[in-house]
Amino acid sequence: MPNKMDNLIFSEVQRFSEWFFIGVVVFILLINAYVLSQTPAEAQKTIFFSGFAIIAILIASFYYLTVRTEVDGTGVRVSLSGMGKKFVPFEDIEAASRYEYRPLRQFGGWGIRLGAGGIMYNARGTVAVKLELKSGKPLYIGTQRVDDLLAAITPHIAGADA
């Protein structure tokens, strides 16, 4: 029985930027400091340790949070750590192209995002592959290897020059 990995044409796993983690931790620390400053002295210890626990949980969660992109002989799969999965068969793709974007301005951040007329899966960077689907709704896949991803997809699109 063939292994799923034997049929892969392209595979990429992206982790979120360290700066993203640092930003989240600093934000939570600032909120915790504000809450502590507004809390009576007898409850401050509980608030402090609750904030510490939340930060620890977030760091652990973000460490395991990844965007996985795979292309095999049937289509393109993209997922965000099992929270959101999308499979697009090649016959549903009209075109694929390089797309440069601003994560915050166009999509409101990172992860699975809705914006700029479609859905974006991204973890870092400002370059994606834009899949123009026959449904009319584009799908954007953030990648650090845009040329490799395009090379894996374009030969399988109907009407593409192979």
C-alpha atoms as a PDB file:
ATOM      1  CA  MET A   1       0.000   0.000   0.000  1.00  0.00           C
ATOM      2  CA  PRO A   2       1.551   3.350  -1.037  1.00  0.00           C
ATOM      3  CA  ASN A   3       2.395   5.851   1.641  1.00  0.00           C
ATOM      4  CA  LYS A   4       0.769   9.311   1.423  1.00  0.00           C
ATOM      5  CA  MET A   5       4.253  10.843   1.649  1.00  0.00           C
ATOM      6  CA  ASP A   6       5.319   8.938  -1.504  1.00  0.00           C
ATOM      7  CA  ASN A   7       2.900  10.990  -3.612  1.00  0.00           C
ATOM      8  CA  LEU A   8       3.885  14.425  -2.303  1.00  0.00           C
ATOM      9  CA  ILE A   9       5.155  16.896  -4.868  1.00  0.00           C
ATOM     10  CA  PHE A  10       5.567  19.748  -2.368  1.00  0.00           C
ATOM     11  CA  SER A  11       5.475  20.003   1.414  1.00  0.00           C
ATOM     12  CA  GLU A  12       6.087  22.973   3.699  1.00  0.00           C
ATOM     13  CA  VAL A  13       5.492  23.523   7.395  1.00  0.00           C
ATOM     14  CA  GLN A  14       5.684  27.104   8.644  1.00  0.00           C
ATOM     15  CA  ARG A  15       5.827  28.254  12.225  1.00  0.00           C
ATOM     16  CA  PHE A  16       4.761  31.681  13.334  1.00  0.00           C
ATOM     17  CA  SER A  17       7.473  34.314  13.719  1.00  0.00           C
ATOM     18  CA  GLU A  18       9.224  34.648  17.062  1.00  0.00           C
ATOM     19  CA  TRP A  19       8.311  38.345  16.972  1.00  0.00           C
ATOM     20  CA  PHE A  20       4.664  37.369  16.835  1.00  0.00           C
ATOM     21  CA  PHE A  21       5.094  35.357  20.053  1.00  0.00           C
ATOM     22  CA  ILE A  22       7.018  38.158  21.713  1.00  0.00           C
ATOM     23  CA  GLY A  23       4.289  40.642  20.771  1.00  0.00           C
ATOM     24  CA  VAL A  24       1.562  38.438  22.229  1.00  0.00           C
ATOM     25  CA  VAL A  25       3.511  37.895  25.459  1.00  0.00           C
ATOM     26  CA  VAL A  26       4.265  41.615  25.861  1.00  0.00           C
ATOM     27  CA  PHE A  27       0.611  42.446  25.228  1.00  0.00           C
ATOM     28  CA  ILE A  28      -0.533  39.983  27.897  1.00  0.00           C
ATOM     29  CA  LEU A  29       2.110  41.254  30.328  1.00  0.00           C
ATOM     30  CA  LEU A  30       0.877  44.816  29.829  1.00  0.00           C
ATOM     31  CA  ILE A  31      -2.725  43.779  30.409  1.00  0.00           C
ATOM     32  CA  ASN A  32      -1.666  41.800  33.494  1.00  0.00           C
ATOM     33  CA  ALA A  33       0.274  44.794  34.848  1.00  0.00           C
ATOM     34  CA  TYR A  34      -2.730  47.055  34.322  1.00  0.00           C
ATOM     35  CA  VAL A  35      -5.095  44.595  36.017  1.00  0.00           C
ATOM     36  CA  LEU A  36      -2.636  44.198  38.901  1.00  0.00           C
ATOM     37  CA  SER A  37      -2.474  47.978  39.343  1.00  0.00           C
ATOM     38  CA  GLN A  38      -6.273  48.093  39.622  1.00  0.00           C
ATOM     39  CA  THR A  39      -6.603  45.067  41.922  1.00  0.00           C
ATOM     40  CA  PRO A  40      -6.699  45.151  45.734  1.00  0.00           C
ATOM     41  CA  ALA A  41      -3.453  43.897  47.324  1.00  0.00           C
ATOM     42  CA  GLU A  42      -5.040  40.706  48.708  1.00  0.00           C
ATOM     43  CA  ALA A  43      -6.013  39.503  45.197  1.00  0.00           C
ATOM     44  CA  GLN A  44      -2.806  40.494  43.370  1.00  0.00           C
ATOM     45  CA  LYS A  45      -1.056  37.162  43.924  1.00  0.00           C
ATOM     46  CA  THR A  46      -3.935  35.277  42.274  1.00  0.00           C
ATOM     47  CA  ILE A  47      -4.021  37.705  39.324  1.00  0.00           C
ATOM     48  CA  PHE A  48      -0.229  37.474  38.890  1.00  0.00           C
ATOM     49  CA  PHE A  49      -0.198  33.664  38.775  1.00  0.00           C
ATOM     50  CA  SER A  50      -3.252  33.565  36.500  1.00  0.00           C
ATOM     51  CA  GLY A  51      -1.470  35.874  34.051  1.00  0.00           C
ATOM     52  CA  PHE A  52       1.661  33.724  34.233  1.00  0.00           C
ATOM     53  CA  ALA A  53      -0.404  30.579  33.504  1.00  0.00           C
ATOM     54  CA  ILE A  54      -2.091  32.229  30.514  1.00  0.00           C
ATOM     55  CA  ILE A  55       1.289  33.263  29.085  1.00  0.00           C
ATOM     56  CA  ALA A  56       2.672  29.739  29.547  1.00  0.00           C
ATOM     57  CA  ILE A  57      -0.358  28.205  27.810  1.00  0.00           C
ATOM     58  CA  LEU A  58      -0.141  30.687  24.927  1.00  0.00           C
ATOM     59  CA  ILE A  59       3.568  30.100  24.412  1.00  0.00           C
ATOM     60  CA  ALA A  60       3.021  26.338  24.336  1.00  0.00           C
ATOM     61  CA  SER A  61       0.062  26.724  21.975  1.00  0.00           C
ATOM     62  CA  PHE A  62       1.900  29.037  19.580  1.00  0.00           C
ATOM     63  CA  TYR A  63       4.919  26.738  19.551  1.00  0.00           C
ATOM     64  CA  TYR A  64       2.759  23.964  18.099  1.00  0.00           C
ATOM     65  CA  LEU A  65       0.754  26.268  15.813  1.00  0.00           C
ATOM     66  CA  THR A  66       1.839  25.683  12.213  1.00  0.00           C
ATOM     67  CA  VAL A  67       0.587  26.188   8.687  1.00  0.00           C
ATOM     68  CA  ARG A  68       1.106  23.027   6.633  1.00  0.00           C
ATOM     69  CA  THR A  69       0.909  23.070   2.837  1.00  0.00           C
ATOM     70  CA  GLU A  70       1.051  19.926   0.729  1.00  0.00           C
ATOM     71  CA  VAL A  71       0.647  19.294  -2.972  1.00  0.00           C
ATOM     72  CA  ASP A  72       0.184  15.790  -4.329  1.00  0.00           C
ATOM     73  CA  GLY A  73      -1.133  14.353  -7.585  1.00  0.00           C
ATOM     74  CA  THR A  74      -4.735  15.209  -6.672  1.00  0.00           C
ATOM     75  CA  GLY A  75      -4.571  18.793  -5.407  1.00  0.00           C
ATOM     76  CA  VAL A  76      -3.483  21.245  -2.745  1.00  0.00           C
ATOM     77  CA  ARG A  77      -3.977  20.783   1.001  1.00  0.00           C
ATOM     78  CA  VAL A  78      -3.461  23.548   3.511  1.00  0.00           C
ATOM     79  CA  SER A  79      -4.145  23.456   7.235  1.00  0.00           C
ATOM     80  CA  LEU A  80      -3.560  25.414  10.409  1.00  0.00           C
ATOM     81  CA  SER A  81      -2.590  22.862  13.103  1.00  0.00           C
ATOM     82  CA  GLY A  82      -5.765  20.884  12.529  1.00  0.00           C
ATOM     83  CA  MET A  83      -8.010  23.872  13.324  1.00  0.00           C
ATOM     84  CA  GLY A  84      -8.839  24.586   9.734  1.00  0.00           C
ATOM     85  CA  LYS A  85      -8.202  22.349   6.752  1.00  0.00           C
ATOM     86  CA  LYS A  86      -8.780  22.985   3.092  1.00  0.00           C
ATOM     87  CA  PHE A  87      -8.353  20.648   0.129  1.00  0.00           C
ATOM     88  CA  VAL A  88      -8.564  22.036  -3.391  1.00  0.00           C
ATOM     89  CA  PRO A  89      -8.532  19.516  -6.247  1.00  0.00           C
ATOM     90  CA  PHE A  90      -6.540  20.663  -9.280  1.00  0.00           C
ATOM     91  CA  GLU A  91      -9.687  20.671 -11.432  1.00  0.00           C
ATOM     92  CA  ASP A  92     -11.120  23.441  -9.196  1.00  0.00           C
ATOM     93  CA  ILE A  93      -8.151  25.766  -9.821  1.00  0.00           C
ATOM     94  CA  GLU A  94      -8.249  28.162 -12.772  1.00  0.00           C
ATOM     95  CA  ALA A  95      -4.912  29.875 -12.145  1.00  0.00           C
ATOM     96  CA  ALA A  96      -2.085  30.185  -9.630  1.00  0.00           C
ATOM     97  CA  SER A  97       0.138  33.222  -9.209  1.00  0.00           C
ATOM     98  CA  ARG A  98       2.548  34.964  -6.868  1.00  0.00           C
ATOM     99  CA  TYR A  99       0.821  37.431  -4.539  1.00  0.00           C
ATOM    100  CA  GLU A 100       2.502  39.995  -2.282  1.00  0.00           C
ATOM    101  CA  TYR A 101       0.432  41.260   0.619  1.00  0.00           C
ATOM    102  CA  ARG A 102       0.439  43.083   3.932  1.00  0.00           C
ATOM    103  CA  PRO A 103      -0.831  40.669   6.597  1.00  0.00           C
ATOM    104  CA  LEU A 104      -2.291  43.218   9.002  1.00  0.00           C
ATOM    105  CA  ARG A 105      -3.666  45.666   6.459  1.00  0.00           C
ATOM    106  CA  GLN A 106      -5.193  43.208   4.001  1.00  0.00           C
ATOM    107  CA  PHE A 107      -6.093  40.240   6.186  1.00  0.00           C
ATOM    108  CA  GLY A 108      -6.072  41.523   9.760  1.00  0.00           C
ATOM    109  CA  GLY A 109      -3.183  39.332  10.888  1.00  0.00           C
ATOM    110  CA  TRP A 110      -1.949  35.759  10.664  1.00  0.00           C
ATOM    111  CA  GLY A 111      -3.558  32.338  10.799  1.00  0.00           C
ATOM    112  CA  ILE A 112      -6.715  31.611   8.827  1.00  0.00           C
ATOM    113  CA  ARG A 113      -7.988  35.025   7.807  1.00  0.00           C
ATOM    114  CA  LEU A 114     -10.762  36.397   5.636  1.00  0.00           C
ATOM    115  CA  GLY A 115      -9.934  39.496   3.639  1.00  0.00           C
ATOM    116  CA  ALA A 116      -8.953  40.944   0.250  1.00  0.00           C
ATOM    117  CA  GLY A 117     -11.758  38.964  -1.338  1.00  0.00           C
ATOM    118  CA  GLY A 118     -10.728  35.518  -0.142  1.00  0.00           C
ATOM    119  CA  ILE A 119      -9.324  33.268   2.558  1.00  0.00           C
ATOM    120  CA  MET A 120      -5.661  33.419   3.600  1.00  0.00           C
ATOM    121  CA  TYR A 121      -3.664  30.747   5.400  1.00  0.00           C
ATOM    122  CA  ASN A 122      -0.445  32.329   6.651  1.00  0.00           C
ATOM    123  CA  ALA A 123       2.088  32.119   9.451  1.00  0.00           C
ATOM    124  CA  ARG A 124       4.753  34.628   8.454  1.00  0.00           C
ATOM    125  CA  GLY A 125       6.081  36.665   5.587  1.00  0.00           C
ATOM    126  CA  THR A 126       4.434  38.803   2.937  1.00  0.00           C
ATOM    127  CA  VAL A 127       4.350  36.470  -0.079  1.00  0.00           C
ATOM    128  CA  ALA A 128       1.675  33.952  -0.965  1.00  0.00           C
ATOM    129  CA  VAL A 129       0.409  31.865  -3.830  1.00  0.00           C
ATOM    130  CA  LYS A 130      -3.007  33.038  -4.960  1.00  0.00           C
ATOM    131  CA  LEU A 131      -5.226  30.253  -6.249  1.00  0.00           C
ATOM    132  CA  GLU A 132      -8.029  31.541  -8.429  1.00  0.00           C
ATOM    133  CA  LEU A 133     -10.764  28.989  -7.979  1.00  0.00           C
ATOM    134  CA  LYS A 134     -13.573  28.198 -10.397  1.00  0.00           C
ATOM    135  CA  SER A 135     -16.005  29.157  -7.623  1.00  0.00           C
ATOM    136  CA  GLY A 136     -14.769  32.741  -8.010  1.00  0.00           C
ATOM    137  CA  LYS A 137     -13.371  32.873  -4.461  1.00  0.00           C
ATOM    138  CA  PRO A 138      -9.575  33.062  -4.284  1.00  0.00           C
ATOM    139  CA  LEU A 139      -7.515  31.136  -1.767  1.00  0.00           C
ATOM    140  CA  TYR A 140      -4.213  32.601  -0.609  1.00  0.00           C
ATOM    141  CA  ILE A 141      -1.484  30.374   0.816  1.00  0.00           C
ATOM    142  CA  GLY A 142       1.383  32.114   2.569  1.00  0.00           C
ATOM    143  CA  THR A 143       4.708  30.469   1.834  1.00  0.00           C
ATOM    144  CA  GLN A 144       8.434  30.943   2.221  1.00  0.00           C
ATOM    145  CA  ARG A 145       8.947  28.908  -0.990  1.00  0.00           C
ATOM    146  CA  VAL A 146       6.645  30.612  -3.493  1.00  0.00           C
ATOM    147  CA  ASP A 147       8.490  29.449  -6.637  1.00  0.00           C
ATOM    148  CA  ASP A 148       8.539  25.811  -5.488  1.00  0.00           C
ATOM    149  CA  LEU A 149       4.838  25.885  -4.604  1.00  0.00           C
ATOM    150  CA  LEU A 150       3.921  27.430  -7.957  1.00  0.00           C
ATOM    151  CA  ALA A 151       6.081  24.858  -9.768  1.00  0.00           C
ATOM    152  CA  ALA A 152       4.221  22.070  -7.966  1.00  0.00           C
ATOM    153  CA  ILE A 153       0.759  23.440  -8.805  1.00  0.00           C
ATOM    154  CA  THR A 154       0.863  24.990 -12.288  1.00  0.00           C
ATOM    155  CA  PRO A 155       1.591  21.845 -14.352  1.00  0.00           C
ATOM    156  CA  HIS A 156      -1.612  20.279 -12.984  1.00  0.00           C
ATOM    157  CA  ILE A 157      -3.967  23.156 -13.801  1.00  0.00           C
ATOM    158  CA  ALA A 158      -6.127  22.502 -16.882  1.00  0.00           C
ATOM    159  CA  GLY A 159      -4.916  24.580 -19.796  1.00  0.00           C
ATOM    160  CA  ALA A 160      -1.533  25.340 -18.190  1.00  0.00           C
ATOM    161  CA  ASP A 161       1.558  24.959 -20.301  1.00  0.00           C
ATOM    162  CA  ALA A 162       3.347  21.953 -18.847  1.00  0.00           C
END
